[in-house]
Amino acid sequence: MPKLTPANMNLFKRIVEDLRLLVLMIRDYGRGRYRNISPVSGIIFVLAVAYLLIPTDLISDFIPGLGQLDDMAFLLASLYFLEKDLYRYRDWKDDEKAPDERTGDRENHSQ
C-alpha cells in the first residue's frame, strides 16, 4: 500500500492522519525519543494550543458556529504548517520499525 501523502488523500483523511501523527510525535517528543522538530514548528504548535485555550478569539465563541469556525481555521492552518515535520516524523517512525521487522523476518526464516 502506498504511503499517504497530501496529494493522494482527501481533506478529511489528511486531517485525521495529521492529528494522529501529531499525537504520536508529541508522545515520542515527551519521552525523549524524537527531537527532530524545527523551532518554527514548535512555536506554531505552542501558539495554536494557546489560541485554542485562551478565551480571547478573533471571533467570539458566543456567536454560535462562527466562534468555533475561527478556532477550527486556526487549527487547520497550524496543521498545514506542521505537515512537513509530521511527515518527516512518520518517515522516522517507519525507519525505526523497519529493523525490528527485518530482525523478526530473519528469526522466522532461520527456524
PDB file of N, CA and C in Angstrom:
ATOM      1  N   MET A   1       0.848  -1.183   0.000  1.00  0.00           N
ATOM      2  CA  MET A   1       0.000   0.000   0.000  1.00  0.00           C
ATOM      3  C   MET A   1       0.888   1.239   0.000  1.00  0.00           C
ATOM      4  N   PRO A   2       0.646   2.208  -0.893  1.00  0.00           N
ATOM      5  CA  PRO A   2       1.493   3.399  -0.951  1.00  0.00           C
ATOM      6  C   PRO A   2       1.293   4.278   0.274  1.00  0.00           C
ATOM      7  N   LYS A   3       2.349   5.045   0.596  1.00  0.00           N
ATOM      8  CA  LYS A   3       2.257   5.971   1.721  1.00  0.00           C
ATOM      9  C   LYS A   3       1.218   7.044   1.438  1.00  0.00           C
ATOM     10  N   LEU A   4       0.513   7.432   2.486  1.00  0.00           N
ATOM     11  CA  LEU A   4      -0.441   8.524   2.332  1.00  0.00           C
ATOM     12  C   LEU A   4       0.330   9.834   2.281  1.00  0.00           C
ATOM     13  N   THR A   5       0.053  10.631   1.290  1.00  0.00           N
ATOM     14  CA  THR A   5       0.624  11.964   1.163  1.00  0.00           C
ATOM     15  C   THR A   5      -0.522  12.923   0.890  1.00  0.00           C
ATOM     16  N   PRO A   6      -0.304  14.220   1.096  1.00  0.00           N
ATOM     17  CA  PRO A   6      -1.391  15.161   0.823  1.00  0.00           C
ATOM     18  C   PRO A   6      -1.945  15.047  -0.587  1.00  0.00           C
ATOM     19  N   ALA A   7      -1.116  14.609  -1.534  1.00  0.00           N
ATOM     20  CA  ALA A   7      -1.568  14.528  -2.929  1.00  0.00           C
ATOM     21  C   ALA A   7      -2.517  13.367  -3.179  1.00  0.00           C
ATOM     22  N   ASN A   8      -2.457  12.298  -2.358  1.00  0.00           N
ATOM     23  CA  ASN A   8      -3.290  11.127  -2.666  1.00  0.00           C
ATOM     24  C   ASN A   8      -4.329  10.819  -1.593  1.00  0.00           C
ATOM     25  N   MET A   9      -4.728  11.815  -0.796  1.00  0.00           N
ATOM     26  CA  MET A   9      -5.810  11.583   0.155  1.00  0.00           C
ATOM     27  C   MET A   9      -6.745  12.792   0.188  1.00  0.00           C
ATOM     28  N   ASN A  10      -7.990  12.533   0.546  1.00  0.00           N
ATOM     29  CA  ASN A  10      -8.931  13.641   0.613  1.00  0.00           C
ATOM     30  C   ASN A  10      -8.683  14.456   1.882  1.00  0.00           C
ATOM     31  N   LEU A  11      -9.321  15.594   1.990  1.00  0.00           N
ATOM     32  CA  LEU A  11      -9.062  16.527   3.092  1.00  0.00           C
ATOM     33  C   LEU A  11      -9.333  15.904   4.453  1.00  0.00           C
ATOM     34  N   PHE A  12     -10.429  15.181   4.589  1.00  0.00           N
ATOM     35  CA  PHE A  12     -10.764  14.582   5.889  1.00  0.00           C
ATOM     36  C   PHE A  12      -9.703  13.573   6.321  1.00  0.00           C
ATOM     37  N   LYS A  13      -9.310  12.682   5.404  1.00  0.00           N
ATOM     38  CA  LYS A  13      -8.271  11.696   5.734  1.00  0.00           C
ATOM     39  C   LYS A  13      -6.957  12.386   6.064  1.00  0.00           C
ATOM     40  N   ARG A  14      -6.660  13.456   5.353  1.00  0.00           N
ATOM     41  CA  ARG A  14      -5.428  14.209   5.594  1.00  0.00           C
ATOM     42  C   ARG A  14      -5.425  14.813   6.992  1.00  0.00           C
ATOM     43  N   ILE A  15      -6.547  15.390   7.416  1.00  0.00           N
ATOM     44  CA  ILE A  15      -6.641  15.981   8.749  1.00  0.00           C
ATOM     45  C   ILE A  15      -6.524  14.903   9.820  1.00  0.00           C
ATOM     46  N   VAL A  16      -7.214  13.787   9.628  1.00  0.00           N
ATOM     47  CA  VAL A  16      -7.147  12.689  10.598  1.00  0.00           C
ATOM     48  C   VAL A  16      -5.722  12.156  10.699  1.00  0.00           C
ATOM     49  N   GLU A  17      -5.060  11.961   9.566  1.00  0.00           N
ATOM     50  CA  GLU A  17      -3.676  11.471   9.555  1.00  0.00           C
ATOM     51  C   GLU A  17      -2.743  12.462  10.246  1.00  0.00           C
ATOM     52  N   ASP A  18      -2.919  13.760   9.966  1.00  0.00           N
ATOM     53  CA  ASP A  18      -2.076  14.776  10.604  1.00  0.00           C
ATOM     54  C   ASP A  18      -2.277  14.790  12.113  1.00  0.00           C
ATOM     55  N   LEU A  19      -3.526  14.707  12.565  1.00  0.00           N
ATOM     56  CA  LEU A  19      -3.786  14.707  14.010  1.00  0.00           C
ATOM     57  C   LEU A  19      -3.209  13.459  14.674  1.00  0.00           C
ATOM     58  N   ARG A  20      -3.321  12.303  13.998  1.00  0.00           N
ATOM     59  CA  ARG A  20      -2.761  11.064  14.534  1.00  0.00           C
ATOM     60  C   ARG A  20      -1.246  11.181  14.674  1.00  0.00           C
ATOM     61  N   LEU A  21      -0.593  11.689  13.616  1.00  0.00           N
ATOM     62  CA  LEU A  21       0.856  11.864  13.655  1.00  0.00           C
ATOM     63  C   LEU A  21       1.267  12.883  14.717  1.00  0.00           C
ATOM     64  N   LEU A  22       0.473  13.934  14.875  1.00  0.00           N
ATOM     65  CA  LEU A  22       0.781  14.957  15.872  1.00  0.00           C
ATOM     66  C   LEU A  22       0.770  14.372  17.278  1.00  0.00           C
ATOM     67  N   VAL A  23      -0.247  13.567  17.586  1.00  0.00           N
ATOM     68  CA  VAL A  23      -0.334  12.937  18.909  1.00  0.00           C
ATOM     69  C   VAL A  23       0.857  12.003  19.139  1.00  0.00           C
ATOM     70  N   LEU A  24       1.184  11.191  18.143  1.00  0.00           N
ATOM     71  CA  LEU A  24       2.321  10.275  18.271  1.00  0.00           C
ATOM     72  C   LEU A  24       3.637  11.039  18.413  1.00  0.00           C
ATOM     73  N   MET A  25       3.789  12.125  17.645  1.00  0.00           N
ATOM     74  CA  MET A  25       5.019  12.908  17.705  1.00  0.00           C
ATOM     75  C   MET A  25       5.171  13.580  19.064  1.00  0.00           C
ATOM     76  N   ILE A  26       4.088  14.105  19.610  1.00  0.00           N
ATOM     77  CA  ILE A  26       4.145  14.726  20.935  1.00  0.00           C
ATOM     78  C   ILE A  26       4.531  13.689  21.978  1.00  0.00           C
ATOM     79  N   ARG A  27       3.963  12.491  21.874  1.00  0.00           N
ATOM     80  CA  ARG A  27       4.282  11.420  22.817  1.00  0.00           C
ATOM     81  C   ARG A  27       5.767  11.050  22.748  1.00  0.00           C
ATOM     82  N   ASP A  28       6.285  10.860  21.525  1.00  0.00           N
ATOM     83  CA  ASP A  28       7.694  10.497  21.379  1.00  0.00           C
ATOM     84  C   ASP A  28       8.614  11.647  21.779  1.00  0.00           C
ATOM     85  N   TYR A  29       8.198  12.880  21.539  1.00  0.00           N
ATOM     86  CA  TYR A  29       8.992  14.033  21.959  1.00  0.00           C
ATOM     87  C   TYR A  29       9.043  14.090  23.484  1.00  0.00           C
ATOM     88  N   GLY A  30       7.907  13.883  24.120  1.00  0.00           N
ATOM     89  CA  GLY A  30       7.848  13.900  25.582  1.00  0.00           C
ATOM     90  C   GLY A  30       8.688  12.810  26.223  1.00  0.00           C
ATOM     91  N   ARG A  31       8.793  11.673  25.561  1.00  0.00           N
ATOM     92  CA  ARG A  31       9.603  10.559  26.068  1.00  0.00           C
ATOM     93  C   ARG A  31      11.079  10.706  25.703  1.00  0.00           C
ATOM     94  N   GLY A  32      11.398  11.723  24.905  1.00  0.00           N
ATOM     95  CA  GLY A  32      12.774  11.954  24.515  1.00  0.00           C
ATOM     96  C   GLY A  32      13.264  11.088  23.377  1.00  0.00           C
ATOM     97  N   ARG A  33      12.364  10.424  22.692  1.00  0.00           N
ATOM     98  CA  ARG A  33      12.755   9.520  21.599  1.00  0.00           C
ATOM     99  C   ARG A  33      12.914  10.252  20.274  1.00  0.00           C
ATOM    100  N   TYR A  34      12.232  11.379  20.104  1.00  0.00           N
ATOM    101  CA  TYR A  34      12.277  12.103  18.835  1.00  0.00           C
ATOM    102  C   TYR A  34      12.440  13.587  19.114  1.00  0.00           C
ATOM    103  N   ARG A  35      13.494  14.191  18.562  1.00  0.00           N
ATOM    104  CA  ARG A  35      13.764  15.613  18.789  1.00  0.00           C
ATOM    105  C   ARG A  35      13.952  16.408  17.504  1.00  0.00           C
ATOM    106  N   ASN A  36      13.721  15.814  16.353  1.00  0.00           N
ATOM    107  CA  ASN A  36      13.962  16.474  15.073  1.00  0.00           C
ATOM    108  C   ASN A  36      12.762  17.337  14.667  1.00  0.00           C
ATOM    109  N   ILE A  37      12.482  18.336  15.472  1.00  0.00           N
ATOM    110  CA  ILE A  37      11.364  19.245  15.204  1.00  0.00           C
ATOM    111  C   ILE A  37      11.936  20.642  15.026  1.00  0.00           C
ATOM    112  N   SER A  38      11.549  21.306  13.951  1.00  0.00           N
ATOM    113  CA  SER A  38      12.085  22.646  13.706  1.00  0.00           C
ATOM    114  C   SER A  38      11.537  23.618  14.751  1.00  0.00           C
ATOM    115  N   PRO A  39      12.339  24.624  15.114  1.00  0.00           N
ATOM    116  CA  PRO A  39      11.881  25.629  16.090  1.00  0.00           C
ATOM    117  C   PRO A  39      10.606  26.335  15.645  1.00  0.00           C
ATOM    118  N   VAL A  40      10.474  26.589  14.342  1.00  0.00           N
ATOM    119  CA  VAL A  40       9.273  27.261  13.831  1.00  0.00           C
ATOM    120  C   VAL A  40       8.033  26.401  14.089  1.00  0.00           C
ATOM    121  N   SER A  41       8.156  25.101  13.864  1.00  0.00           N
ATOM    122  CA  SER A  41       7.028  24.202  14.118  1.00  0.00           C
ATOM    123  C   SER A  41       6.671  24.174  15.600  1.00  0.00           C
ATOM    124  N   GLY A  42       7.676  24.193  16.444  1.00  0.00           N
ATOM    125  CA  GLY A  42       7.417  24.238  17.884  1.00  0.00           C
ATOM    126  C   GLY A  42       6.666  25.492  18.281  1.00  0.00           C
ATOM    127  N   ILE A  43       7.072  26.624  17.720  1.00  0.00           N
ATOM    128  CA  ILE A  43       6.406  27.898  18.014  1.00  0.00           C
ATOM    129  C   ILE A  43       4.970  27.879  17.493  1.00  0.00           C
ATOM    130  N   ILE A  44       4.777  27.378  16.272  1.00  0.00           N
ATOM    131  CA  ILE A  44       3.425  27.299  15.695  1.00  0.00           C
ATOM    132  C   ILE A  44       2.533  26.425  16.566  1.00  0.00           C
ATOM    133  N   PHE A  45       3.060  25.287  17.027  1.00  0.00           N
ATOM    134  CA  PHE A  45       2.256  24.401  17.867  1.00  0.00           C
ATOM    135  C   PHE A  45       1.881  25.077  19.179  1.00  0.00           C
ATOM    136  N   VAL A  46       2.832  25.719  19.830  1.00  0.00           N
ATOM    137  CA  VAL A  46       2.553  26.406  21.110  1.00  0.00           C
ATOM    138  C   VAL A  46       1.527  27.508  20.897  1.00  0.00           C
ATOM    139  N   LEU A  47       1.670  28.280  19.829  1.00  0.00           N
ATOM    140  CA  LEU A  47       0.698  29.344  19.550  1.00  0.00           C
ATOM    141  C   LEU A  47      -0.690  28.784  19.262  1.00  0.00           C
ATOM    142  N   ALA A  48      -0.766  27.676  18.542  1.00  0.00           N
ATOM    143  CA  ALA A  48      -2.067  27.064  18.240  1.00  0.00           C
ATOM    144  C   ALA A  48      -2.750  26.592  19.512  1.00  0.00           C
ATOM    145  N   VAL A  49      -1.996  25.932  20.385  1.00  0.00           N
ATOM    146  CA  VAL A  49      -2.579  25.456  21.651  1.00  0.00           C
ATOM    147  C   VAL A  49      -3.011  26.646  22.504  1.00  0.00           C
ATOM    148  N   ALA A  50      -2.172  27.671  22.569  1.00  0.00           N
ATOM    149  CA  ALA A  50      -2.524  28.861  23.352  1.00  0.00           C
ATOM    150  C   ALA A  50      -3.783  29.523  22.798  1.00  0.00           C
ATOM    151  N   TYR A  51      -3.873  29.642  21.475  1.00  0.00           N
ATOM    152  CA  TYR A  51      -5.043  30.266  20.856  1.00  0.00           C
ATOM    153  C   TYR A  51      -6.320  29.493  21.176  1.00  0.00           C
ATOM    154  N   LEU A  52      -6.217  28.161  21.164  1.00  0.00           N
ATOM    155  CA  LEU A  52      -7.400  27.348  21.439  1.00  0.00           C
ATOM    156  C   LEU A  52      -7.794  27.399  22.919  1.00  0.00           C
ATOM    157  N   LEU A  53      -6.824  27.586  23.801  1.00  0.00           N
ATOM    158  CA  LEU A  53      -7.113  27.584  25.238  1.00  0.00           C
ATOM    159  C   LEU A  53      -7.480  28.959  25.792  1.00  0.00           C
ATOM    160  N   ILE A  54      -6.929  30.023  25.228  1.00  0.00           N
ATOM    161  CA  ILE A  54      -7.203  31.379  25.721  1.00  0.00           C
ATOM    162  C   ILE A  54      -8.579  31.804  25.212  1.00  0.00           C
ATOM    163  N   PRO A  55      -9.411  32.327  26.111  1.00  0.00           N
ATOM    164  CA  PRO A  55     -10.793  32.656  25.715  1.00  0.00           C
ATOM    165  C   PRO A  55     -10.920  33.817  24.718  1.00  0.00           C
ATOM    166  N   THR A  56      -9.867  34.611  24.523  1.00  0.00           N
ATOM    167  CA  THR A  56      -9.938  35.714  23.574  1.00  0.00           C
ATOM    168  C   THR A  56      -9.726  35.172  22.166  1.00  0.00           C
ATOM    169  N   ASP A  57     -10.673  35.427  21.279  1.00  0.00           N
ATOM    170  CA  ASP A  57     -10.616  34.933  19.905  1.00  0.00           C
ATOM    171  C   ASP A  57     -10.794  36.076  18.919  1.00  0.00           C
ATOM    172  N   LEU A  58     -10.496  35.796  17.653  1.00  0.00           N
ATOM    173  CA  LEU A  58     -10.793  36.776  16.611  1.00  0.00           C
ATOM    174  C   LEU A  58     -12.301  36.963  16.486  1.00  0.00           C
ATOM    175  N   ILE A  59     -13.021  35.847  16.544  1.00  0.00           N
ATOM    176  CA  ILE A  59     -14.483  35.872  16.530  1.00  0.00           C
ATOM    177  C   ILE A  59     -14.938  35.225  17.831  1.00  0.00           C
ATOM    178  N   SER A  60     -15.742  35.923  18.582  1.00  0.00           N
ATOM    179  CA  SER A  60     -16.162  35.441  19.898  1.00  0.00           C
ATOM    180  C   SER A  60     -16.858  34.081  19.810  1.00  0.00           C
ATOM    181  N   ASP A  61     -16.556  33.214  20.774  1.00  0.00           N
ATOM    182  CA  ASP A  61     -17.186  31.887  20.820  1.00  0.00           C
ATOM    183  C   ASP A  61     -18.666  31.976  21.213  1.00  0.00           C
ATOM    184  N   PHE A  62     -19.109  33.154  21.623  1.00  0.00           N
ATOM    185  CA  PHE A  62     -20.521  33.312  21.977  1.00  0.00           C
ATOM    186  C   PHE A  62     -21.414  33.352  20.735  1.00  0.00           C
ATOM    187  N   ILE A  63     -20.810  33.590  19.572  1.00  0.00           N
ATOM    188  CA  ILE A  63     -21.572  33.561  18.321  1.00  0.00           C
ATOM    189  C   ILE A  63     -21.588  32.106  17.849  1.00  0.00           C
ATOM    190  N   PRO A  64     -22.732  31.449  17.948  1.00  0.00           N
ATOM    191  CA  PRO A  64     -22.792  30.022  17.604  1.00  0.00           C
ATOM    192  C   PRO A  64     -22.302  29.747  16.183  1.00  0.00           C
ATOM    193  N   GLY A  65     -21.441  28.774  16.053  1.00  0.00           N
ATOM    194  CA  GLY A  65     -20.918  28.377  14.746  1.00  0.00           C
ATOM    195  C   GLY A  65     -19.710  29.188  14.324  1.00  0.00           C
ATOM    196  N   LEU A  66     -19.878  30.496  14.226  1.00  0.00           N
ATOM    197  CA  LEU A  66     -18.770  31.346  13.788  1.00  0.00           C
ATOM    198  C   LEU A  66     -17.633  31.360  14.802  1.00  0.00           C
ATOM    199  N   GLY A  67     -17.967  31.349  16.070  1.00  0.00           N
ATOM    200  CA  GLY A  67     -16.947  31.374  17.114  1.00  0.00           C
ATOM    201  C   GLY A  67     -16.048  30.144  17.060  1.00  0.00           C
ATOM    202  N   GLN A  68     -16.632  29.016  16.778  1.00  0.00           N
ATOM    203  CA  GLN A  68     -15.850  27.781  16.688  1.00  0.00           C
ATOM    204  C   GLN A  68     -15.145  27.679  15.333  1.00  0.00           C
ATOM    205  N   LEU A  69     -15.678  28.358  14.331  1.00  0.00           N
ATOM    206  CA  LEU A  69     -15.099  28.312  12.996  1.00  0.00           C
ATOM    207  C   LEU A  69     -13.694  28.908  12.971  1.00  0.00           C
ATOM    208  N   ASP A  70     -13.468  30.018  13.678  1.00  0.00           N
ATOM    209  CA  ASP A  70     -12.123  30.593  13.678  1.00  0.00           C
ATOM    210  C   ASP A  70     -11.143  29.690  14.433  1.00  0.00           C
ATOM    211  N   ASP A  71     -11.622  28.996  15.472  1.00  0.00           N
ATOM    212  CA  ASP A  71     -10.758  28.031  16.171  1.00  0.00           C
ATOM    213  C   ASP A  71     -10.358  26.898  15.231  1.00  0.00           C
ATOM    214  N   MET A  72     -11.308  26.384  14.479  1.00  0.00           N
ATOM    215  CA  MET A  72     -11.033  25.303  13.538  1.00  0.00           C
ATOM    216  C   MET A  72     -10.099  25.778  12.435  1.00  0.00           C
ATOM    217  N   ALA A  73     -10.315  26.983  11.935  1.00  0.00           N
ATOM    218  CA  ALA A  73      -9.448  27.523  10.881  1.00  0.00           C
ATOM    219  C   ALA A  73      -8.018  27.666  11.391  1.00  0.00           C
ATOM    220  N   PHE A  74      -7.852  28.113  12.618  1.00  0.00           N
ATOM    221  CA  PHE A  74      -6.516  28.253  13.192  1.00  0.00           C
ATOM    222  C   PHE A  74      -5.857  26.892  13.365  1.00  0.00           C
ATOM    223  N   LEU A  75      -6.618  25.918  13.823  1.00  0.00           N
ATOM    224  CA  LEU A  75      -6.088  24.560  13.982  1.00  0.00           C
ATOM    225  C   LEU A  75      -5.668  23.975  12.628  1.00  0.00           C
ATOM    226  N   LEU A  76      -6.507  24.125  11.612  1.00  0.00           N
ATOM    227  CA  LEU A  76      -6.175  23.607  10.284  1.00  0.00           C
ATOM    228  C   LEU A  76      -4.954  24.306   9.695  1.00  0.00           C
ATOM    229  N   ALA A  77      -4.866  25.621   9.886  1.00  0.00           N
ATOM    230  CA  ALA A  77      -3.704  26.359   9.376  1.00  0.00           C
ATOM    231  C   ALA A  77      -2.427  25.890  10.077  1.00  0.00           C
ATOM    232  N   SER A  78      -2.495  25.656  11.378  1.00  0.00           N
ATOM    233  CA  SER A  78      -1.298  25.193  12.090  1.00  0.00           C
ATOM    234  C   SER A  78      -0.917  23.787  11.645  1.00  0.00           C
ATOM    235  N   LEU A  79      -1.894  22.906  11.410  1.00  0.00           N
ATOM    236  CA  LEU A  79      -1.590  21.567  10.898  1.00  0.00           C
ATOM    237  C   LEU A  79      -0.931  21.646   9.525  1.00  0.00           C
ATOM    238  N   TYR A  80      -1.403  22.568   8.704  1.00  0.00           N
ATOM    239  CA  TYR A  80      -0.812  22.750   7.378  1.00  0.00           C
ATOM    240  C   TYR A  80       0.668  23.113   7.493  1.00  0.00           C
ATOM    241  N   PHE A  81       0.999  24.030   8.416  1.00  0.00           N
ATOM    242  CA  PHE A  81       2.389  24.441   8.582  1.00  0.00           C
ATOM    243  C   PHE A  81       3.243  23.361   9.253  1.00  0.00           C
ATOM    244  N   LEU A  82       2.610  22.480  10.010  1.00  0.00           N
ATOM    245  CA  LEU A  82       3.339  21.413  10.695  1.00  0.00           C
ATOM    246  C   LEU A  82       3.513  20.160   9.830  1.00  0.00           C
ATOM    247  N   GLU A  83       2.839  20.072   8.696  1.00  0.00           N
ATOM    248  CA  GLU A  83       2.844  18.841   7.904  1.00  0.00           C
ATOM    249  C   GLU A  83       4.240  18.360   7.528  1.00  0.00           C
ATOM    250  N   LYS A  84       5.131  19.273   7.177  1.00  0.00           N
ATOM    251  CA  LYS A  84       6.477  18.860   6.789  1.00  0.00           C
ATOM    252  C   LYS A  84       7.142  18.102   7.938  1.00  0.00           C
ATOM    253  N   ASP A  85       7.044  18.621   9.148  1.00  0.00           N
ATOM    254  CA  ASP A  85       7.615  17.940  10.314  1.00  0.00           C
ATOM    255  C   ASP A  85       6.854  16.661  10.634  1.00  0.00           C
ATOM    256  N   LEU A  86       5.547  16.664  10.441  1.00  0.00           N
ATOM    257  CA  LEU A  86       4.760  15.461  10.719  1.00  0.00           C
ATOM    258  C   LEU A  86       5.142  14.319   9.792  1.00  0.00           C
ATOM    259  N   TYR A  87       5.324  14.612   8.512  1.00  0.00           N
ATOM    260  CA  TYR A  87       5.689  13.558   7.567  1.00  0.00           C
ATOM    261  C   TYR A  87       7.144  13.127   7.738  1.00  0.00           C
ATOM    262  N   ARG A  88       8.005  14.051   8.151  1.00  0.00           N
ATOM    263  CA  ARG A  88       9.381  13.664   8.483  1.00  0.00           C
ATOM    264  C   ARG A  88       9.366  12.736   9.687  1.00  0.00           C
ATOM    265  N   TYR A  89       8.502  13.019  10.678  1.00  0.00           N
ATOM    266  CA  TYR A  89       8.353  12.143  11.843  1.00  0.00           C
ATOM    267  C   TYR A  89       7.835  10.769  11.412  1.00  0.00           C
ATOM    268  N   ARG A  90       6.850  10.760  10.512  1.00  0.00           N
ATOM    269  CA  ARG A  90       6.307   9.483  10.036  1.00  0.00           C
ATOM    270  C   ARG A  90       7.396   8.638   9.369  1.00  0.00           C
ATOM    271  N   ASP A  91       8.248   9.283   8.566  1.00  0.00           N
ATOM    272  CA  ASP A  91       9.343   8.553   7.926  1.00  0.00           C
ATOM    273  C   ASP A  91      10.318   8.003   8.968  1.00  0.00           C
ATOM    274  N   TRP A  92      10.611   8.798   9.995  1.00  0.00           N
ATOM    275  CA  TRP A  92      11.480   8.340  11.078  1.00  0.00           C
ATOM    276  C   TRP A  92      10.856   7.140  11.783  1.00  0.00           C
ATOM    277  N   LYS A  93       9.558   7.233  12.041  1.00  0.00           N
ATOM    278  CA  LYS A  93       8.844   6.148  12.723  1.00  0.00           C
ATOM    279  C   LYS A  93       8.890   4.876  11.866  1.00  0.00           C
ATOM    280  N   ASP A  94       8.687   5.016  10.555  1.00  0.00           N
ATOM    281  CA  ASP A  94       8.745   3.862   9.660  1.00  0.00           C
ATOM    282  C   ASP A  94      10.148   3.258   9.629  1.00  0.00           C
ATOM    283  N   ASP A  95      11.172   4.101   9.601  1.00  0.00           N
ATOM    284  CA  ASP A  95      12.552   3.611   9.610  1.00  0.00           C
ATOM    285  C   ASP A  95      12.891   2.931  10.926  1.00  0.00           C
ATOM    286  N   GLU A  96      12.312   3.432  12.017  1.00  0.00           N
ATOM    287  CA  GLU A  96      12.548   2.840  13.336  1.00  0.00           C
ATOM    288  C   GLU A  96      11.951   1.436  13.410  1.00  0.00           C
ATOM    289  N   LYS A  97      10.791   1.242  12.785  1.00  0.00           N
ATOM    290  CA  LYS A  97      10.135  -0.066  12.793  1.00  0.00           C
ATOM    291  C   LYS A  97      10.819  -1.058  11.856  1.00  0.00           C
ATOM    292  N   ALA A  98      11.390  -0.576  10.782  1.00  0.00           N
ATOM    293  CA  ALA A  98      11.948  -1.444   9.743  1.00  0.00           C
ATOM    294  C   ALA A  98      12.995  -2.429  10.267  1.00  0.00           C
ATOM    295  N   PRO A  99      13.976  -2.029  11.092  1.00  0.00           N
ATOM    296  CA  PRO A  99      14.950  -3.020  11.573  1.00  0.00           C
ATOM    297  C   PRO A  99      14.301  -4.117  12.415  1.00  0.00           C
ATOM    298  N   ASP A 100      13.307  -3.780  13.206  1.00  0.00           N
ATOM    299  CA  ASP A 100      12.613  -4.786  14.016  1.00  0.00           C
ATOM    300  C   ASP A 100      11.911  -5.794  13.123  1.00  0.00           C
ATOM    301  N   GLU A 101      11.286  -5.302  12.072  1.00  0.00           N
ATOM    302  CA  GLU A 101      10.572  -6.200  11.162  1.00  0.00           C
ATOM    303  C   GLU A 101      11.559  -7.095  10.430  1.00  0.00           C
ATOM    304  N   ARG A 102      12.714  -6.526  10.038  1.00  0.00           N
ATOM    305  CA  ARG A 102      13.723  -7.337   9.340  1.00  0.00           C
ATOM    306  C   ARG A 102      14.301  -8.393  10.276  1.00  0.00           C
ATOM    307  N   THR A 103      14.553  -8.044  11.527  1.00  0.00           N
ATOM    308  CA  THR A 103      15.070  -8.992  12.503  1.00  0.00           C
ATOM    309  C   THR A 103      14.067 -10.105  12.721  1.00  0.00           C
ATOM    310  N   GLY A 104      12.791  -9.753  12.837  1.00  0.00           N
ATOM    311  CA  GLY A 104      11.745 -10.749  13.021  1.00  0.00           C
ATOM    312  C   GLY A 104      11.659 -11.686  11.832  1.00  0.00           C
ATOM    313  N   ASP A 105      11.843 -11.158  10.620  1.00  0.00           N
ATOM    314  CA  ASP A 105      11.813 -11.999   9.427  1.00  0.00           C
ATOM    315  C   ASP A 105      12.958 -13.004   9.427  1.00  0.00           C
ATOM    316  N   ARG A 106      14.157 -12.555   9.840  1.00  0.00           N
ATOM    317  CA  ARG A 106      15.307 -13.450   9.865  1.00  0.00           C
ATOM    318  C   ARG A 106      15.123 -14.560  10.885  1.00  0.00           C
ATOM    319  N   GLU A 107      14.551 -14.220  12.011  1.00  0.00           N
ATOM    320  CA  GLU A 107      14.327 -15.226  13.051  1.00  0.00           C
ATOM    321  C   GLU A 107      13.336 -16.291  12.582  1.00  0.00           C
ATOM    322  N   ASN A 108      12.309 -15.852  11.878  1.00  0.00           N
ATOM    323  CA  ASN A 108      11.302 -16.795  11.396  1.00  0.00           C
ATOM    324  C   ASN A 108      11.843 -17.705  10.307  1.00  0.00           C
ATOM    325  N   HIS A 109      12.736 -17.175   9.451  1.00  0.00           N
ATOM    326  CA  HIS A 109      13.285 -17.975   8.362  1.00  0.00           C
ATOM    327  C   HIS A 109      14.388 -18.927   8.827  1.00  0.00           C
ATOM    328  N   SER A 110      15.041 -18.603   9.945  1.00  0.00           N
ATOM    329  CA  SER A 110      16.152 -19.433  10.405  1.00  0.00           C
ATOM    330  C   SER A 110      15.667 -20.696  11.131  1.00  0.00           C
ATOM    331  N   GLN A 111      14.416 -20.743  11.503  1.00  0.00           N
ATOM    332  CA  GLN A 111      13.908 -21.897  12.251  1.00  0.00           C
ATOM    333  C   GLN A 111      13.516 -23.023  11.368  1.00  0.00           C
TER     334      GLN A 111
END
